[in-house]
PDB file of N, CA and C in Angstrom:
ATOM      1  N   MET A   1      17.006  26.667  42.534  1.00  0.00           N
ATOM      2  CA  MET A   1      17.884  27.291  41.586  1.00  0.00           C
ATOM      3  C   MET A   1      18.076  26.457  40.328  1.00  0.00           C
ATOM      4  N   LEU A   2      17.949  25.160  40.425  1.00  0.00           N
ATOM      5  CA  LEU A   2      18.138  24.300  39.262  1.00  0.00           C
ATOM      6  C   LEU A   2      16.802  23.763  38.794  1.00  0.00           C
ATOM      7  N   GLY A   3      16.744  23.367  37.526  1.00  0.00           N
ATOM      8  CA  GLY A   3      15.538  22.753  37.000  1.00  0.00           C
ATOM      9  C   GLY A   3      14.447  23.739  36.691  1.00  0.00           C
ATOM     10  N   ARG A   4      14.817  24.992  36.554  1.00  0.00           N
ATOM     11  CA  ARG A   4      13.815  25.986  36.174  1.00  0.00           C
ATOM     12  C   ARG A   4      13.832  26.136  34.664  1.00  0.00           C
ATOM     13  N   ASP A   5      13.473  27.290  34.175  1.00  0.00           N
ATOM     14  CA  ASP A   5      13.433  27.498  32.733  1.00  0.00           C
ATOM     15  C   ASP A   5      14.714  28.135  32.191  1.00  0.00           C
ATOM     16  N   ARG A   6      15.785  28.144  32.996  1.00  0.00           N
ATOM     17  CA  ARG A   6      17.040  28.770  32.578  1.00  0.00           C
ATOM     18  C   ARG A   6      18.213  27.836  32.858  1.00  0.00           C
ATOM     19  N   HIS A   7      19.283  28.050  32.120  1.00  0.00           N
ATOM     20  CA  HIS A   7      20.532  27.364  32.415  1.00  0.00           C
ATOM     21  C   HIS A   7      21.151  28.007  33.657  1.00  0.00           C
ATOM     22  N   THR A   8      21.973  27.255  34.371  1.00  0.00           N
ATOM     23  CA  THR A   8      22.638  27.763  35.567  1.00  0.00           C
ATOM     24  C   THR A   8      24.108  27.377  35.510  1.00  0.00           C
ATOM     25  N   LEU A   9      24.979  28.364  35.712  1.00  0.00           N
ATOM     26  CA  LEU A   9      26.404  28.098  35.827  1.00  0.00           C
ATOM     27  C   LEU A   9      26.766  28.067  37.302  1.00  0.00           C
ATOM     28  N   LEU A  10      27.466  27.021  37.714  1.00  0.00           N
ATOM     29  CA  LEU A  10      27.964  26.893  39.078  1.00  0.00           C
ATOM     30  C   LEU A  10      29.477  26.832  39.007  1.00  0.00           C
ATOM     31  N   GLY A  11      30.155  27.785  39.633  1.00  0.00           N
ATOM     32  CA  GLY A  11      31.611  27.780  39.663  1.00  0.00           C
ATOM     33  C   GLY A  11      32.066  27.382  41.056  1.00  0.00           C
ATOM     34  N   TYR A  12      33.010  26.436  41.135  1.00  0.00           N
ATOM     35  CA  TYR A  12      33.410  25.910  42.436  1.00  0.00           C
ATOM     36  C   TYR A  12      34.723  26.509  42.923  1.00  0.00           C
ATOM     37  N   ALA A  13      34.663  27.131  44.080  1.00  0.00           N
ATOM     38  CA  ALA A  13      35.846  27.664  44.768  1.00  0.00           C
ATOM     39  C   ALA A  13      36.068  26.813  46.005  1.00  0.00           C
ATOM     40  N   GLY A  14      37.034  25.925  45.935  1.00  0.00           N
ATOM     41  CA  GLY A  14      37.313  25.023  47.041  1.00  0.00           C
ATOM     42  C   GLY A  14      38.357  25.595  47.975  1.00  0.00           C
ATOM     43  N   GLU A  15      38.937  24.715  48.779  1.00  0.00           N
ATOM     44  CA  GLU A  15      39.955  25.149  49.734  1.00  0.00           C
ATOM     45  C   GLU A  15      41.090  25.846  48.998  1.00  0.00           C
ATOM     46  N   GLY A  16      41.542  26.942  49.559  1.00  0.00           N
ATOM     47  CA  GLY A  16      42.602  27.723  48.940  1.00  0.00           C
ATOM     48  C   GLY A  16      42.048  28.797  48.034  1.00  0.00           C
ATOM     49  N   ALA A  17      40.956  28.497  47.362  1.00  0.00           N
ATOM     50  CA  ALA A  17      40.241  29.439  46.504  1.00  0.00           C
ATOM     51  C   ALA A  17      41.162  30.321  45.678  1.00  0.00           C
ATOM     52  N   THR A  18      42.033  29.691  44.918  1.00  0.00           N
ATOM     53  CA  THR A  18      42.929  30.457  44.060  1.00  0.00           C
ATOM     54  C   THR A  18      42.259  30.865  42.760  1.00  0.00           C
ATOM     55  N   ALA A  19      41.096  30.318  42.470  1.00  0.00           N
ATOM     56  CA  ALA A  19      40.454  30.546  41.181  1.00  0.00           C
ATOM     57  C   ALA A  19      39.246  31.479  41.245  1.00  0.00           C
ATOM     58  N   VAL A  20      39.069  32.217  42.329  1.00  0.00           N
ATOM     59  CA  VAL A  20      37.875  33.067  42.443  1.00  0.00           C
ATOM     60  C   VAL A  20      37.815  34.077  41.304  1.00  0.00           C
ATOM     61  N   ALA A  21      38.937  34.676  40.925  1.00  0.00           N
ATOM     62  CA  ALA A  21      38.947  35.640  39.824  1.00  0.00           C
ATOM     63  C   ALA A  21      38.561  34.954  38.510  1.00  0.00           C
ATOM     64  N   ASP A  22      39.099  33.750  38.252  1.00  0.00           N
ATOM     65  CA  ASP A  22      38.743  33.010  37.036  1.00  0.00           C
ATOM     66  C   ASP A  22      37.269  32.637  37.040  1.00  0.00           C
ATOM     67  N   LEU A  23      36.752  32.231  38.191  1.00  0.00           N
ATOM     68  CA  LEU A  23      35.339  31.859  38.296  1.00  0.00           C
ATOM     69  C   LEU A  23      34.436  33.065  38.062  1.00  0.00           C
ATOM     70  N   THR A  24      34.834  34.215  38.583  1.00  0.00           N
ATOM     71  CA  THR A  24      34.062  35.443  38.385  1.00  0.00           C
ATOM     72  C   THR A  24      34.031  35.813  36.903  1.00  0.00           C
ATOM     73  N   ALA A  25      35.176  35.706  36.228  1.00  0.00           N
ATOM     74  CA  ALA A  25      35.254  35.994  34.793  1.00  0.00           C
ATOM     75  C   ALA A  25      34.426  34.996  33.992  1.00  0.00           C
ATOM     76  N   ALA A  26      34.473  33.725  34.366  1.00  0.00           N
ATOM     77  CA  ALA A  26      33.691  32.702  33.673  1.00  0.00           C
ATOM     78  C   ALA A  26      32.195  32.953  33.834  1.00  0.00           C
ATOM     79  N   ALA A  27      31.784  33.373  35.021  1.00  0.00           N
ATOM     80  CA  ALA A  27      30.365  33.673  35.260  1.00  0.00           C
ATOM     81  C   ALA A  27      29.905  34.818  34.369  1.00  0.00           C
ATOM     82  N   ALA A  28      30.709  35.874  34.280  1.00  0.00           N
ATOM     83  CA  ALA A  28      30.355  37.014  33.427  1.00  0.00           C
ATOM     84  C   ALA A  28      30.296  36.596  31.960  1.00  0.00           C
ATOM     85  N   ALA A  29      31.273  35.806  31.511  1.00  0.00           N
ATOM     86  CA  ALA A  29      31.296  35.345  30.122  1.00  0.00           C
ATOM     87  C   ALA A  29      30.096  34.451  29.820  1.00  0.00           C
ATOM     88  N   ALA A  30      29.703  33.618  30.780  1.00  0.00           N
ATOM     89  CA  ALA A  30      28.574  32.712  30.573  1.00  0.00           C
ATOM     90  C   ALA A  30      27.262  33.476  30.447  1.00  0.00           C
ATOM     91  N   VAL A  31      27.054  34.439  31.316  1.00  0.00           N
ATOM     92  CA  VAL A  31      25.819  35.222  31.257  1.00  0.00           C
ATOM     93  C   VAL A  31      25.756  35.990  29.936  1.00  0.00           C
ATOM     94  N   GLU A  32      26.891  36.557  29.522  1.00  0.00           N
ATOM     95  CA  GLU A  32      26.934  37.281  28.250  1.00  0.00           C
ATOM     96  C   GLU A  32      26.736  36.323  27.079  1.00  0.00           C
ATOM     97  N   GLY A  33      27.430  35.200  27.094  1.00  0.00           N
ATOM     98  CA  GLY A  33      27.335  34.229  26.003  1.00  0.00           C
ATOM     99  C   GLY A  33      25.962  33.596  25.879  1.00  0.00           C
ATOM    100  N   ALA A  34      25.225  33.572  26.976  1.00  0.00           N
ATOM    101  CA  ALA A  34      23.863  33.021  26.966  1.00  0.00           C
ATOM    102  C   ALA A  34      22.830  34.117  26.749  1.00  0.00           C
ATOM    103  N   HIS A  35      23.301  35.298  26.384  1.00  0.00           N
ATOM    104  CA  HIS A  35      22.423  36.433  26.094  1.00  0.00           C
ATOM    105  C   HIS A  35      21.481  36.736  27.261  1.00  0.00           C
ATOM    106  N   GLY A  36      22.022  36.615  28.486  1.00  0.00           N
ATOM    107  CA  GLY A  36      21.240  36.917  29.678  1.00  0.00           C
ATOM    108  C   GLY A  36      20.283  35.812  30.097  1.00  0.00           C
ATOM    109  N   GLU A  37      20.333  34.673  29.421  1.00  0.00           N
ATOM    110  CA  GLU A  37      19.412  33.565  29.708  1.00  0.00           C
ATOM    111  C   GLU A  37      20.022  32.528  30.648  1.00  0.00           C
ATOM    112  N   MET A  38      20.980  32.947  31.461  1.00  0.00           N
ATOM    113  CA  MET A  38      21.650  32.026  32.380  1.00  0.00           C
ATOM    114  C   MET A  38      21.871  32.730  33.713  1.00  0.00           C
ATOM    115  N   ASP A  39      21.688  31.978  34.787  1.00  0.00           N
ATOM    116  CA  ASP A  39      22.032  32.463  36.118  1.00  0.00           C
ATOM    117  C   ASP A  39      23.403  31.899  36.473  1.00  0.00           C
ATOM    118  N   ALA A  40      24.172  32.626  37.266  1.00  0.00           N
ATOM    119  CA  ALA A  40      25.507  32.161  37.644  1.00  0.00           C
ATOM    120  C   ALA A  40      25.699  32.319  39.143  1.00  0.00           C
ATOM    121  N   TYR A  41      26.328  31.313  39.748  1.00  0.00           N
ATOM    122  CA  TYR A  41      26.591  31.309  41.184  1.00  0.00           C
ATOM    123  C   TYR A  41      28.007  30.800  41.433  1.00  0.00           C
ATOM    124  N   LEU A  42      28.592  31.286  42.491  1.00  0.00           N
ATOM    125  CA  LEU A  42      29.873  30.775  42.969  1.00  0.00           C
ATOM    126  C   LEU A  42      29.569  29.872  44.152  1.00  0.00           C
ATOM    127  N   VAL A  43      30.002  28.630  44.090  1.00  0.00           N
ATOM    128  CA  VAL A  43      29.826  27.690  45.191  1.00  0.00           C
ATOM    129  C   VAL A  43      31.137  27.676  45.960  1.00  0.00           C
ATOM    130  N   ALA A  44      31.091  28.125  47.209  1.00  0.00           N
ATOM    131  CA  ALA A  44      32.306  28.307  48.005  1.00  0.00           C
ATOM    132  C   ALA A  44      32.428  27.275  49.102  1.00  0.00           C
ATOM    133  N   GLY A  45      33.584  26.631  49.139  1.00  0.00           N
ATOM    134  CA  GLY A  45      33.889  25.696  50.202  1.00  0.00           C
ATOM    135  C   GLY A  45      34.180  26.425  51.502  1.00  0.00           C
ATOM    136  N   PRO A  46      34.411  25.698  52.575  1.00  0.00           N
ATOM    137  CA  PRO A  46      34.664  26.306  53.877  1.00  0.00           C
ATOM    138  C   PRO A  46      35.887  27.230  53.849  1.00  0.00           C
ATOM    139  N   GLY A  47      35.728  28.393  54.445  1.00  0.00           N
ATOM    140  CA  GLY A  47      36.833  29.324  54.607  1.00  0.00           C
ATOM    141  C   GLY A  47      37.205  30.128  53.383  1.00  0.00           C
ATOM    142  N   VAL A  48      36.443  30.034  52.304  1.00  0.00           N
ATOM    143  CA  VAL A  48      36.759  30.772  51.085  1.00  0.00           C
ATOM    144  C   VAL A  48      36.304  32.218  51.234  1.00  0.00           C
ATOM    145  N   ASP A  49      37.199  33.151  50.943  1.00  0.00           N
ATOM    146  CA  ASP A  49      36.891  34.576  51.016  1.00  0.00           C
ATOM    147  C   ASP A  49      36.225  35.010  49.714  1.00  0.00           C
ATOM    148  N   THR A  50      34.948  35.303  49.789  1.00  0.00           N
ATOM    149  CA  THR A  50      34.178  35.690  48.600  1.00  0.00           C
ATOM    150  C   THR A  50      33.633  37.110  48.722  1.00  0.00           C
ATOM    151  N   ARG A  51      34.216  37.896  49.615  1.00  0.00           N
ATOM    152  CA  ARG A  51      33.671  39.233  49.874  1.00  0.00           C
ATOM    153  C   ARG A  51      33.680  40.139  48.660  1.00  0.00           C
ATOM    154  N   TRP A  52      34.640  39.990  47.787  1.00  0.00           N
ATOM    155  CA  TRP A  52      34.763  40.947  46.685  1.00  0.00           C
ATOM    156  C   TRP A  52      34.104  40.504  45.385  1.00  0.00           C
ATOM    157  N   THR A  53      33.661  39.278  45.276  1.00  0.00           N
ATOM    158  CA  THR A  53      33.077  38.828  44.008  1.00  0.00           C
ATOM    159  C   THR A  53      31.646  39.352  43.850  1.00  0.00           C
ATOM    160  N   PRO A  54      31.295  39.825  42.645  1.00  0.00           N
ATOM    161  CA  PRO A  54      29.921  40.278  42.412  1.00  0.00           C
ATOM    162  C   PRO A  54      28.951  39.123  42.137  1.00  0.00           C
ATOM    163  N   VAL A  55      29.473  37.912  41.999  1.00  0.00           N
ATOM    164  CA  VAL A  55      28.640  36.747  41.704  1.00  0.00           C
ATOM    165  C   VAL A  55      27.972  36.274  42.994  1.00  0.00           C
ATOM    166  N   PRO A  56      26.658  35.980  42.962  1.00  0.00           N
ATOM    167  CA  PRO A  56      26.005  35.450  44.163  1.00  0.00           C
ATOM    168  C   PRO A  56      26.710  34.175  44.640  1.00  0.00           C
ATOM    169  N   VAL A  57      26.829  34.052  45.959  1.00  0.00           N
ATOM    170  CA  VAL A  57      27.602  32.962  46.552  1.00  0.00           C
ATOM    171  C   VAL A  57      26.682  31.971  47.264  1.00  0.00           C
ATOM    172  N   LEU A  58      26.951  30.684  47.017  1.00  0.00           N
ATOM    173  CA  LEU A  58      26.312  29.596  47.747  1.00  0.00           C
ATOM    174  C   LEU A  58      27.408  28.928  48.557  1.00  0.00           C
ATOM    175  N   HIS A  59      27.170  28.699  49.828  1.00  0.00           N
ATOM    176  CA  HIS A  59      28.196  28.118  50.696  1.00  0.00           C
ATOM    177  C   HIS A  59      28.030  26.600  50.787  1.00  0.00           C
ATOM    178  N   ASP A  60      29.138  25.906  50.525  1.00  0.00           N
ATOM    179  CA  ASP A  60      29.172  24.443  50.572  1.00  0.00           C
ATOM    180  C   ASP A  60      29.943  24.035  51.822  1.00  0.00           C
ATOM    181  N   GLY A  61      29.415  24.432  52.972  1.00  0.00           N
ATOM    182  CA  GLY A  61      30.095  24.240  54.246  1.00  0.00           C
ATOM    183  C   GLY A  61      30.374  22.793  54.613  1.00  0.00           C
ATOM    184  N   GLU A  62      29.528  21.888  54.177  1.00  0.00           N
ATOM    185  CA  GLU A  62      29.716  20.473  54.518  1.00  0.00           C
ATOM    186  C   GLU A  62      30.270  19.662  53.348  1.00  0.00           C
ATOM    187  N   GLY A  63      30.557  20.330  52.229  1.00  0.00           N
ATOM    188  CA  GLY A  63      31.155  19.644  51.092  1.00  0.00           C
ATOM    189  C   GLY A  63      30.206  18.793  50.277  1.00  0.00           C
ATOM    190  N   GLN A  64      28.908  19.012  50.421  1.00  0.00           N
ATOM    191  CA  GLN A  64      27.939  18.195  49.692  1.00  0.00           C
ATOM    192  C   GLN A  64      27.994  18.441  48.186  1.00  0.00           C
ATOM    193  N   PHE A  65      28.147  19.693  47.783  1.00  0.00           N
ATOM    194  CA  PHE A  65      28.260  19.998  46.354  1.00  0.00           C
ATOM    195  C   PHE A  65      29.523  19.373  45.777  1.00  0.00           C
ATOM    196  N   ALA A  66      30.639  19.582  46.466  1.00  0.00           N
ATOM    197  CA  ALA A  66      31.920  19.047  45.995  1.00  0.00           C
ATOM    198  C   ALA A  66      31.852  17.532  45.832  1.00  0.00           C
ATOM    199  N   ALA A  67      31.218  16.861  46.762  1.00  0.00           N
ATOM    200  CA  ALA A  67      31.110  15.401  46.693  1.00  0.00           C
ATOM    201  C   ALA A  67      30.183  14.968  45.557  1.00  0.00           C
ATOM    202  N   ALA A  68      29.041  15.610  45.422  1.00  0.00           N
ATOM    203  CA  ALA A  68      28.065  15.215  44.415  1.00  0.00           C
ATOM    204  C   ALA A  68      28.573  15.450  42.993  1.00  0.00           C
ATOM    205  N   TYR A  69      29.306  16.539  42.784  1.00  0.00           N
ATOM    206  CA  TYR A  69      29.782  16.891  41.445  1.00  0.00           C
ATOM    207  C   TYR A  69      31.242  16.494  41.218  1.00  0.00           C
ATOM    208  N   HIS A  70      31.877  15.894  42.224  1.00  0.00           N
ATOM    209  CA  HIS A  70      33.307  15.574  42.140  1.00  0.00           C
ATOM    210  C   HIS A  70      34.078  16.824  41.729  1.00  0.00           C
ATOM    211  N   ALA A  71      33.717  17.930  42.346  1.00  0.00           N
ATOM    212  CA  ALA A  71      34.262  19.238  41.979  1.00  0.00           C
ATOM    213  C   ALA A  71      35.659  19.443  42.530  1.00  0.00           C
ATOM    214  N   VAL A  72      36.467  20.088  41.715  1.00  0.00           N
ATOM    215  CA  VAL A  72      37.788  20.522  42.149  1.00  0.00           C
ATOM    216  C   VAL A  72      37.873  22.026  41.940  1.00  0.00           C
ATOM    217  N   GLU A  73      38.778  22.630  42.650  1.00  0.00           N
ATOM    218  CA  GLU A  73      38.975  24.082  42.607  1.00  0.00           C
ATOM    219  C   GLU A  73      39.041  24.587  41.164  1.00  0.00           C
ATOM    220  N   GLY A  74      38.217  25.597  40.876  1.00  0.00           N
ATOM    221  CA  GLY A  74      38.272  26.271  39.586  1.00  0.00           C
ATOM    222  C   GLY A  74      37.438  25.659  38.482  1.00  0.00           C
ATOM    223  N   GLN A  75      36.613  24.690  38.782  1.00  0.00           N
ATOM    224  CA  GLN A  75      35.752  24.107  37.755  1.00  0.00           C
ATOM    225  C   GLN A  75      34.438  24.858  37.664  1.00  0.00           C
ATOM    226  N   VAL A  76      33.881  24.863  36.463  1.00  0.00           N
ATOM    227  CA  VAL A  76      32.547  25.406  36.251  1.00  0.00           C
ATOM    228  C   VAL A  76      31.654  24.303  35.696  1.00  0.00           C
ATOM    229  N   PHE A  77      30.397  24.385  36.036  1.00  0.00           N
ATOM    230  CA  PHE A  77      29.395  23.420  35.615  1.00  0.00           C
ATOM    231  C   PHE A  77      28.202  24.200  35.073  1.00  0.00           C
ATOM    232  N   VAL A  78      27.703  23.801  33.910  1.00  0.00           N
ATOM    233  CA  VAL A  78      26.477  24.392  33.384  1.00  0.00           C
ATOM    234  C   VAL A  78      25.396  23.340  33.492  1.00  0.00           C
ATOM    235  N   VAL A  79      24.380  23.656  34.270  1.00  0.00           N
ATOM    236  CA  VAL A  79      23.242  22.756  34.456  1.00  0.00           C
ATOM    237  C   VAL A  79      22.114  23.262  33.563  1.00  0.00           C
ATOM    238  N   ARG A  80      21.616  22.375  32.716  1.00  0.00           N
ATOM    239  CA  ARG A  80      20.540  22.727  31.795  1.00  0.00           C
ATOM    240  C   ARG A  80      19.220  22.869  32.557  1.00  0.00           C
ATOM    241  N   PRO A  81      18.231  23.502  31.942  1.00  0.00           N
ATOM    242  CA  PRO A  81      16.930  23.646  32.610  1.00  0.00           C
ATOM    243  C   PRO A  81      16.270  22.323  32.977  1.00  0.00           C
ATOM    244  N   ASP A  82      16.602  21.241  32.255  1.00  0.00           N
ATOM    245  CA  ASP A  82      16.015  19.942  32.578  1.00  0.00           C
ATOM    246  C   ASP A  82      16.757  19.229  33.706  1.00  0.00           C
ATOM    247  N   GLY A  83      17.783  19.904  34.274  1.00  0.00           N
ATOM    248  CA  GLY A  83      18.507  19.356  35.411  1.00  0.00           C
ATOM    249  C   GLY A  83      19.750  18.567  35.052  1.00  0.00           C
ATOM    250  N   TYR A  84      19.972  18.321  33.771  1.00  0.00           N
ATOM    251  CA  TYR A  84      21.153  17.574  33.346  1.00  0.00           C
ATOM    252  C   TYR A  84      22.367  18.494  33.239  1.00  0.00           C
ATOM    253  N   LEU A  85      23.528  17.916  33.449  1.00  0.00           N
ATOM    254  CA  LEU A  85      24.774  18.656  33.327  1.00  0.00           C
ATOM    255  C   LEU A  85      25.120  18.777  31.849  1.00  0.00           C
ATOM    256  N   GLY A  86      25.228  20.018  31.378  1.00  0.00           N
ATOM    257  CA  GLY A  86      25.511  20.254  29.970  1.00  0.00           C
ATOM    258  C   GLY A  86      26.978  20.499  29.689  1.00  0.00           C
ATOM    259  N   TYR A  87      27.697  20.997  30.681  1.00  0.00           N
ATOM    260  CA  TYR A  87      29.105  21.341  30.477  1.00  0.00           C
ATOM    261  C   TYR A  87      29.827  21.274  31.812  1.00  0.00           C
ATOM    262  N   ARG A  88      31.082  20.810  31.731  1.00  0.00           N
ATOM    263  CA  ARG A  88      31.970  20.800  32.887  1.00  0.00           C
ATOM    264  C   ARG A  88      33.351  21.143  32.360  1.00  0.00           C
ATOM    265  N   GLY A  89      33.997  22.122  32.980  1.00  0.00           N
ATOM    266  CA  GLY A  89      35.322  22.495  32.503  1.00  0.00           C
ATOM    267  C   GLY A  89      36.039  23.404  33.477  1.00  0.00           C
ATOM    268  N   ASP A  90      37.220  23.806  33.078  1.00  0.00           N
ATOM    269  CA  ASP A  90      38.063  24.681  33.879  1.00  0.00           C
ATOM    270  C   ASP A  90      37.652  26.126  33.638  1.00  0.00           C
ATOM    271  N   ALA A  91      37.465  26.884  34.705  1.00  0.00           N
ATOM    272  CA  ALA A  91      37.050  28.278  34.577  1.00  0.00           C
ATOM    273  C   ALA A  91      38.052  29.103  33.793  1.00  0.00           C
ATOM    274  N   ALA A  92      39.316  28.745  33.854  1.00  0.00           N
ATOM    275  CA  ALA A  92      40.346  29.492  33.139  1.00  0.00           C
ATOM    276  C   ALA A  92      40.285  29.271  31.630  1.00  0.00           C
ATOM    277  N   ASP A  93      39.586  28.233  31.176  1.00  0.00           N
ATOM    278  CA  ASP A  93      39.478  27.934  29.748  1.00  0.00           C
ATOM    279  C   ASP A  93      38.196  28.564  29.194  1.00  0.00           C
ATOM    280  N   LEU A  94      38.221  29.882  29.063  1.00  0.00           N
ATOM    281  CA  LEU A  94      37.030  30.587  28.580  1.00  0.00           C
ATOM    282  C   LEU A  94      36.703  30.236  27.135  1.00  0.00           C
ATOM    283  N   ASP A  95      37.708  29.852  26.344  1.00  0.00           N
ATOM    284  CA  ASP A  95      37.443  29.475  24.952  1.00  0.00           C
ATOM    285  C   ASP A  95      36.522  28.264  24.874  1.00  0.00           C
ATOM    286  N   ALA A  96      36.783  27.247  25.684  1.00  0.00           N
ATOM    287  CA  ALA A  96      35.942  26.043  25.672  1.00  0.00           C
ATOM    288  C   ALA A  96      34.524  26.367  26.152  1.00  0.00           C
ATOM    289  N   LEU A  97      34.420  27.169  27.192  1.00  0.00           N
ATOM    290  CA  LEU A  97      33.102  27.564  27.695  1.00  0.00           C
ATOM    291  C   LEU A  97      32.347  28.361  26.638  1.00  0.00           C
ATOM    292  N   THR A  98      33.030  29.276  25.983  1.00  0.00           N
ATOM    293  CA  THR A  98      32.401  30.095  24.949  1.00  0.00           C
ATOM    294  C   THR A  98      31.923  29.250  23.773  1.00  0.00           C
ATOM    295  N   ARG A  99      32.723  28.244  23.376  1.00  0.00           N
ATOM    296  CA  ARG A  99      32.301  27.351  22.289  1.00  0.00           C
ATOM    297  C   ARG A  99      31.013  26.602  22.670  1.00  0.00           C
ATOM    298  N   TYR A 100      30.966  26.114  23.907  1.00  0.00           N
ATOM    299  CA  TYR A 100      29.746  25.424  24.365  1.00  0.00           C
ATOM    300  C   TYR A 100      28.550  26.373  24.320  1.00  0.00           C
ATOM    301  N   LEU A 101      28.739  27.575  24.812  1.00  0.00           N
ATOM    302  CA  LEU A 101      27.631  28.527  24.852  1.00  0.00           C
ATOM    303  C   LEU A 101      27.161  28.907  23.455  1.00  0.00           C
ATOM    304  N   LYS A 102      28.094  29.093  22.521  1.00  0.00           N
ATOM    305  CA  LYS A 102      27.715  29.426  21.155  1.00  0.00           C
ATOM    306  C   LYS A 102      26.907  28.300  20.521  1.00  0.00           C
ATOM    307  N   ALA A 103      27.304  27.063  20.792  1.00  0.00           N
ATOM    308  CA  ALA A 103      26.569  25.913  20.247  1.00  0.00           C
ATOM    309  C   ALA A 103      25.186  25.789  20.871  1.00  0.00           C
ATOM    310  N   THR A 104      25.066  26.163  22.116  1.00  0.00           N
ATOM    311  CA  THR A 104      23.796  26.026  22.835  1.00  0.00           C
ATOM    312  C   THR A 104      22.854  27.196  22.599  1.00  0.00           C
ATOM    313  N   PHE A 105      23.400  28.411  22.529  1.00  0.00           N
ATOM    314  CA  PHE A 105      22.568  29.610  22.469  1.00  0.00           C
ATOM    315  C   PHE A 105      22.650  30.341  21.138  1.00  0.00           C
ATOM    316  N   SER A 106      22.988  29.636  20.054  1.00  0.00           N
ATOM    317  CA  SER A 106      23.090  30.315  18.758  1.00  0.00           C
ATOM    318  C   SER A 106      21.742  30.472  18.097  1.00  0.00           C
TER     319      SER A 106
END
């Protein structure tokens, strides 16, 4: 999923998963802001209910993603095609994400 020819947004839903709606909105905004040139996934920690989200879900059952990215509930990460992290922020802050996307995909 990473290191291909497209950017990838990863939204983290950890324990409690109070930010699933914000992560879903951030994923939609990212795909739109990247003019369809970005894939988006929700990374779900153990016990997170993701049945209603339209975003493809990756399960982080052992916490490897959370540990590697130092992820906290409600964060989004944009991984560039070269594998480097291009953006890290709060899913609820769509303005900051949109500014990054405009600078990257203008």
